[in-house]
Amino acid sequence: MLDTGRNLTHQLTHQLGAAIVQGQYAIDKSFPTEAELSQQFNISRSVTREAVKMLTAKGLIASRPRQGIRVMPSSHWNMFDADVLGWTLNARPSLELLREFTQLRMAIEPEAAVLAAENNQDTARIKAIGDALARMKRADEGLDDPLTADIEFHCAILAAGNNRFFFQLRDFIQVALRVSIASTNQLKGVLTADYDDHKRIYDAICAGDQEEASRAVKVLLQEVMQLINVSLVKPA
């Protein structure tokens, strides 16, 4: 049942999107029509039409001639869409998915750190990284939320590079990091990130040392990847 006090289109989109990702609708099989959805949720056709459009834009469903609406395979889903990623991670945060995400981070974040070091004269953006690092220190002392501080640190680096494409990845990175960091910290048996490892990244960026900034990020991510790979080969 939808909450009539909130945006019905977004509620329906989230409810249906999560259900698709959780496998409640079979892949490449028929999906309820707009009329059926309207009747099922007791809402107007205009609401269901907009929700169907949103799910289509996210790659979860498609309309085919003489076949109606069909659920698409996960290879068609827009994983850069924060909603799709969030539904996927909440439904099945598998180690394989976390490995794929970490591989993407290894392709992006070292270069983002290079750009941040190159633009280290942008004091406001560099300060944002430092502020996040300070939050991580407070988290070590039990005075702040460790996960939020860690995510803020990595997203601040994306912003500091002054690259619009990296900046646009922040929402995607935030959603994925919330599950990824929690999972890898659990694998390590710790509750907080390693402050010293993150400080090395920050110090290199502040010094304008692009090579060291990249190396420090790679070391951090290689440890994450090693944890995931080791866990994947452990017997069930």
Protein backbone atom coordinates (compact mmCIF):
# COMPACT_ATOMS: atom_id res chain seq x y z
CA MET A 1 0.00 0.00 0.00
CA LEU A 2 1.33 3.42 -0.92
CA ASP A 3 1.45 6.42 1.43
CA THR A 4 -0.90 8.99 -0.08
CA GLY A 5 0.92 11.75 1.78
CA ARG A 6 4.08 11.28 -0.29
CA ASN A 7 4.94 11.44 -3.98
CA LEU A 8 3.07 8.46 -5.36
CA THR A 9 5.11 8.15 -8.55
CA HIS A 10 8.39 7.85 -6.67
CA GLN A 11 6.89 5.49 -4.11
CA LEU A 12 5.57 3.20 -6.82
CA THR A 13 8.85 3.38 -8.74
CA HIS A 14 10.82 2.38 -5.65
CA GLN A 15 8.42 -0.39 -4.67
CA LEU A 16 8.36 -1.91 -8.15
CA GLY A 17 12.07 -1.38 -8.76
CA ALA A 18 13.04 -3.12 -5.53
CA ALA A 19 10.64 -5.97 -6.33
CA ILE A 20 12.18 -6.44 -9.78
CA VAL A 21 15.70 -6.51 -8.40
CA GLN A 22 14.67 -8.95 -5.67
CA GLY A 23 13.37 -11.32 -8.35
CA GLN A 24 9.70 -11.00 -7.58
CA TYR A 25 9.09 -10.53 -11.32
CA ALA A 26 10.68 -13.09 -13.61
CA ILE A 27 13.31 -11.86 -16.08
CA ASP A 28 12.09 -11.52 -19.67
CA LYS A 29 8.54 -12.35 -18.60
CA SER A 30 5.45 -10.18 -18.77
CA PHE A 31 5.08 -7.35 -16.30
CA PRO A 32 1.71 -5.98 -15.11
CA THR A 33 0.12 -3.46 -17.45
CA GLU A 34 -0.42 0.14 -16.40
CA ALA A 35 -4.11 -0.65 -15.93
CA GLU A 36 -3.31 -3.64 -13.72
CA LEU A 37 -0.87 -1.61 -11.64
CA SER A 38 -3.45 1.15 -11.22
CA GLN A 39 -5.96 -1.37 -9.95
CA GLN A 40 -3.48 -3.21 -7.75
CA PHE A 41 -2.23 -0.07 -5.99
CA ASN A 42 -5.48 1.88 -6.26
CA ILE A 43 -3.82 4.84 -7.96
CA SER A 44 -4.35 6.76 -11.18
CA ARG A 45 -3.11 5.69 -14.60
CA SER A 46 -1.00 8.86 -14.82
CA VAL A 47 0.95 7.79 -11.72
CA THR A 48 1.56 4.29 -13.03
CA ARG A 49 2.49 5.63 -16.46
CA GLU A 50 5.18 7.88 -14.97
CA ALA A 51 6.50 5.07 -12.78
CA VAL A 52 6.74 2.77 -15.79
CA LYS A 53 8.63 5.50 -17.66
CA MET A 54 11.09 5.85 -14.79
CA LEU A 55 11.67 2.11 -14.55
CA THR A 56 12.17 1.97 -18.32
CA ALA A 57 14.75 4.78 -18.14
CA LYS A 58 16.59 2.81 -15.45
CA GLY A 59 16.73 -0.21 -17.77
CA LEU A 60 14.67 -2.52 -15.55
CA ILE A 61 11.76 -2.96 -17.95
CA ALA A 62 11.07 -2.44 -21.64
CA SER A 63 8.00 -2.34 -23.84
CA ARG A 64 8.05 -4.67 -26.82
CA PRO A 65 5.63 -4.86 -29.76
CA ARG A 66 2.90 -7.44 -29.18
CA GLN A 67 4.60 -8.52 -25.93
CA GLY A 68 3.76 -5.65 -23.63
CA ILE A 69 6.05 -4.69 -20.75
CA ARG A 70 8.86 -7.14 -20.01
CA VAL A 71 11.38 -7.37 -17.17
CA MET A 72 14.90 -6.96 -18.53
CA PRO A 73 17.99 -9.00 -17.57
CA SER A 74 20.34 -7.36 -15.06
CA SER A 75 22.86 -6.73 -17.86
CA HIS A 76 20.45 -4.04 -19.13
CA TRP A 77 20.03 -2.32 -15.78
CA ASN A 78 21.63 1.10 -15.37
CA MET A 79 23.97 0.31 -12.50
CA PHE A 80 25.16 3.93 -12.43
CA ASP A 81 21.66 4.91 -11.35
CA ALA A 82 21.81 5.34 -7.58
CA ASP A 83 18.33 3.82 -7.14
CA VAL A 84 19.16 0.71 -9.17
CA LEU A 85 22.45 0.26 -7.36
CA GLY A 86 20.80 0.75 -3.97
CA TRP A 87 18.06 -1.79 -4.74
CA THR A 88 20.66 -4.26 -5.99
CA LEU A 89 22.96 -3.88 -3.00
CA ASN A 90 20.09 -4.07 -0.53
CA ALA A 91 18.70 -7.15 -2.25
CA ARG A 92 21.89 -9.07 -2.77
CA PRO A 93 25.17 -7.41 -1.71
CA SER A 94 27.21 -10.35 -2.97
CA LEU A 95 30.98 -10.45 -2.83
CA GLU A 96 31.03 -10.71 -6.63
CA LEU A 97 29.14 -7.42 -6.92
CA LEU A 98 31.41 -5.77 -4.34
CA ARG A 99 34.42 -6.98 -6.33
CA GLU A 100 33.05 -5.42 -9.52
CA PHE A 101 32.45 -2.16 -7.68
CA THR A 102 35.97 -2.21 -6.21
CA GLN A 103 37.38 -2.79 -9.69
CA LEU A 104 35.58 0.35 -10.81
CA ARG A 105 36.92 2.27 -7.82
CA MET A 106 40.45 1.17 -8.72
CA ALA A 107 39.95 2.61 -12.20
CA ILE A 108 38.56 5.94 -10.93
CA GLU A 109 39.76 6.91 -7.48
CA PRO A 110 43.55 6.88 -7.97
CA GLU A 111 43.12 9.28 -10.91
CA ALA A 112 40.71 11.39 -8.87
CA ALA A 113 43.42 11.69 -6.21
CA VAL A 114 45.91 12.71 -8.90
CA LEU A 115 43.58 15.48 -10.04
CA ALA A 116 42.99 16.57 -6.44
CA ALA A 117 46.76 16.83 -5.90
CA GLU A 118 47.09 18.76 -9.14
CA ASN A 119 44.41 21.17 -7.93
CA ASN A 120 45.67 21.41 -4.37
CA GLN A 121 45.52 25.20 -4.57
CA ASP A 122 41.73 24.92 -4.33
CA THR A 123 41.77 25.40 -0.58
CA ALA A 124 38.03 25.01 -0.03
CA ARG A 125 37.87 21.59 -1.68
CA ILE A 126 41.09 20.40 -0.04
CA LYS A 127 39.70 21.56 3.29
CA ALA A 128 36.63 19.40 2.68
CA ILE A 129 38.91 16.35 2.44
CA GLY A 130 40.67 17.41 5.64
CA ASP A 131 37.37 17.94 7.42
CA ALA A 132 36.28 14.43 6.45
CA LEU A 133 39.59 13.05 7.69
CA ALA A 134 39.06 14.86 10.99
CA ARG A 135 35.65 13.23 11.24
CA MET A 136 37.32 9.85 10.71
CA LYS A 137 39.67 10.62 13.60
CA ARG A 138 36.72 11.51 15.82
CA ALA A 139 35.02 8.30 14.71
CA ASP A 140 38.03 6.35 15.95
CA GLU A 141 37.38 7.96 19.33
CA GLY A 142 33.68 7.10 19.20
CA LEU A 143 32.63 10.70 18.60
CA ASP A 144 31.36 10.46 15.03
CA ASP A 145 29.84 7.98 12.61
CA PRO A 146 32.70 6.02 11.00
CA LEU A 147 30.83 5.01 7.85
CA THR A 148 29.56 8.51 7.07
CA ALA A 149 33.00 10.00 7.68
CA ASP A 150 34.70 7.45 5.42
CA ILE A 151 32.21 8.04 2.60
CA GLU A 152 32.58 11.80 2.97
CA PHE A 153 36.36 11.46 2.61
CA HIS A 154 36.22 9.56 -0.67
CA CYS A 155 33.50 11.76 -2.15
CA ALA A 156 35.43 14.90 -1.20
CA ILE A 157 38.37 13.63 -3.25
CA LEU A 158 36.09 13.13 -6.26
CA ALA A 159 34.94 16.74 -5.90
CA ALA A 160 38.44 18.14 -5.37
CA GLY A 161 39.66 17.06 -8.79
CA ASN A 162 37.42 19.68 -10.43
CA ASN A 163 36.28 17.14 -13.02
CA ARG A 164 32.57 17.28 -13.77
CA PHE A 165 32.37 13.61 -14.72
CA PHE A 166 33.98 12.44 -11.49
CA PHE A 167 31.78 14.86 -9.56
CA GLN A 168 28.68 13.33 -11.16
CA LEU A 169 29.70 9.92 -9.77
CA ARG A 170 29.35 11.05 -6.17
CA ASP A 171 25.78 9.83 -5.65
CA PHE A 172 26.64 6.48 -7.20
CA ILE A 173 29.80 6.16 -5.09
CA GLN A 174 27.98 7.15 -1.89
CA VAL A 175 25.32 4.49 -2.32
CA ALA A 176 27.80 1.73 -3.13
CA LEU A 177 30.31 2.70 -0.45
CA ARG A 178 27.65 2.47 2.25
CA VAL A 179 27.39 -1.27 1.63
CA SER A 180 30.95 -1.88 0.44
CA ILE A 181 32.75 -0.25 3.37
CA ALA A 182 30.48 -1.90 5.91
CA SER A 183 31.05 -5.28 4.26
CA THR A 184 34.83 -5.00 3.95
CA ASN A 185 35.19 -3.68 7.50
CA GLN A 186 33.25 -6.74 8.61
CA LEU A 187 35.63 -8.94 6.63
CA LYS A 188 38.55 -7.24 8.38
CA GLY A 189 36.84 -7.56 11.73
CA VAL A 190 36.97 -3.82 12.44
CA LEU A 191 34.35 -1.12 12.86
CA THR A 192 36.26 1.86 11.47
CA ALA A 193 38.51 2.56 8.51
CA ASP A 194 42.29 2.83 8.90
CA TYR A 195 42.88 6.50 9.68
CA ASP A 196 46.60 6.40 8.85
CA ASP A 197 45.97 4.97 5.37
CA HIS A 198 43.54 7.78 4.62
CA LYS A 199 45.86 10.41 6.09
CA ARG A 200 48.61 9.32 3.69
CA ILE A 201 46.26 10.04 0.82
CA TYR A 202 45.35 13.45 2.25
CA ASP A 203 48.98 14.41 2.95
CA ALA A 204 50.00 13.52 -0.61
CA ILE A 205 47.14 15.59 -2.05
CA CYS A 206 48.03 18.56 0.14
CA ALA A 207 51.67 18.30 -0.95
CA GLY A 208 50.67 18.17 -4.61
CA ASP A 209 52.40 14.80 -4.92
CA GLN A 210 50.30 13.22 -7.65
CA GLU A 211 52.25 9.97 -7.83
CA GLU A 212 52.08 9.35 -4.08
CA ALA A 213 48.38 10.29 -3.95
CA SER A 214 47.63 7.71 -6.62
CA ARG A 215 49.81 5.07 -4.97
CA ALA A 216 48.23 5.60 -1.54
CA VAL A 217 44.73 5.15 -2.94
CA LYS A 218 45.79 2.04 -4.84
CA VAL A 219 47.26 0.52 -1.67
CA LEU A 220 43.99 1.12 0.14
CA LEU A 221 41.87 -0.38 -2.62
CA GLN A 222 44.21 -3.32 -3.22
CA GLU A 223 43.73 -4.30 0.43
CA VAL A 224 39.96 -4.18 -0.08
CA MET A 225 40.24 -6.28 -3.24
CA GLN A 226 42.46 -8.83 -1.51
CA LEU A 227 39.93 -9.20 1.32
CA ILE A 228 37.13 -9.79 -1.15
CA ASN A 229 39.13 -12.25 -3.26
CA VAL A 230 40.21 -14.25 -0.22
CA SER A 231 36.63 -14.39 1.03
CA LEU A 232 35.40 -15.55 -2.38
CA VAL A 233 37.67 -18.60 -2.37
CA LYS A 234 36.92 -19.62 1.22
CA PRO A 235 34.86 -22.81 1.46
CA ALA A 236 31.23 -22.21 2.37
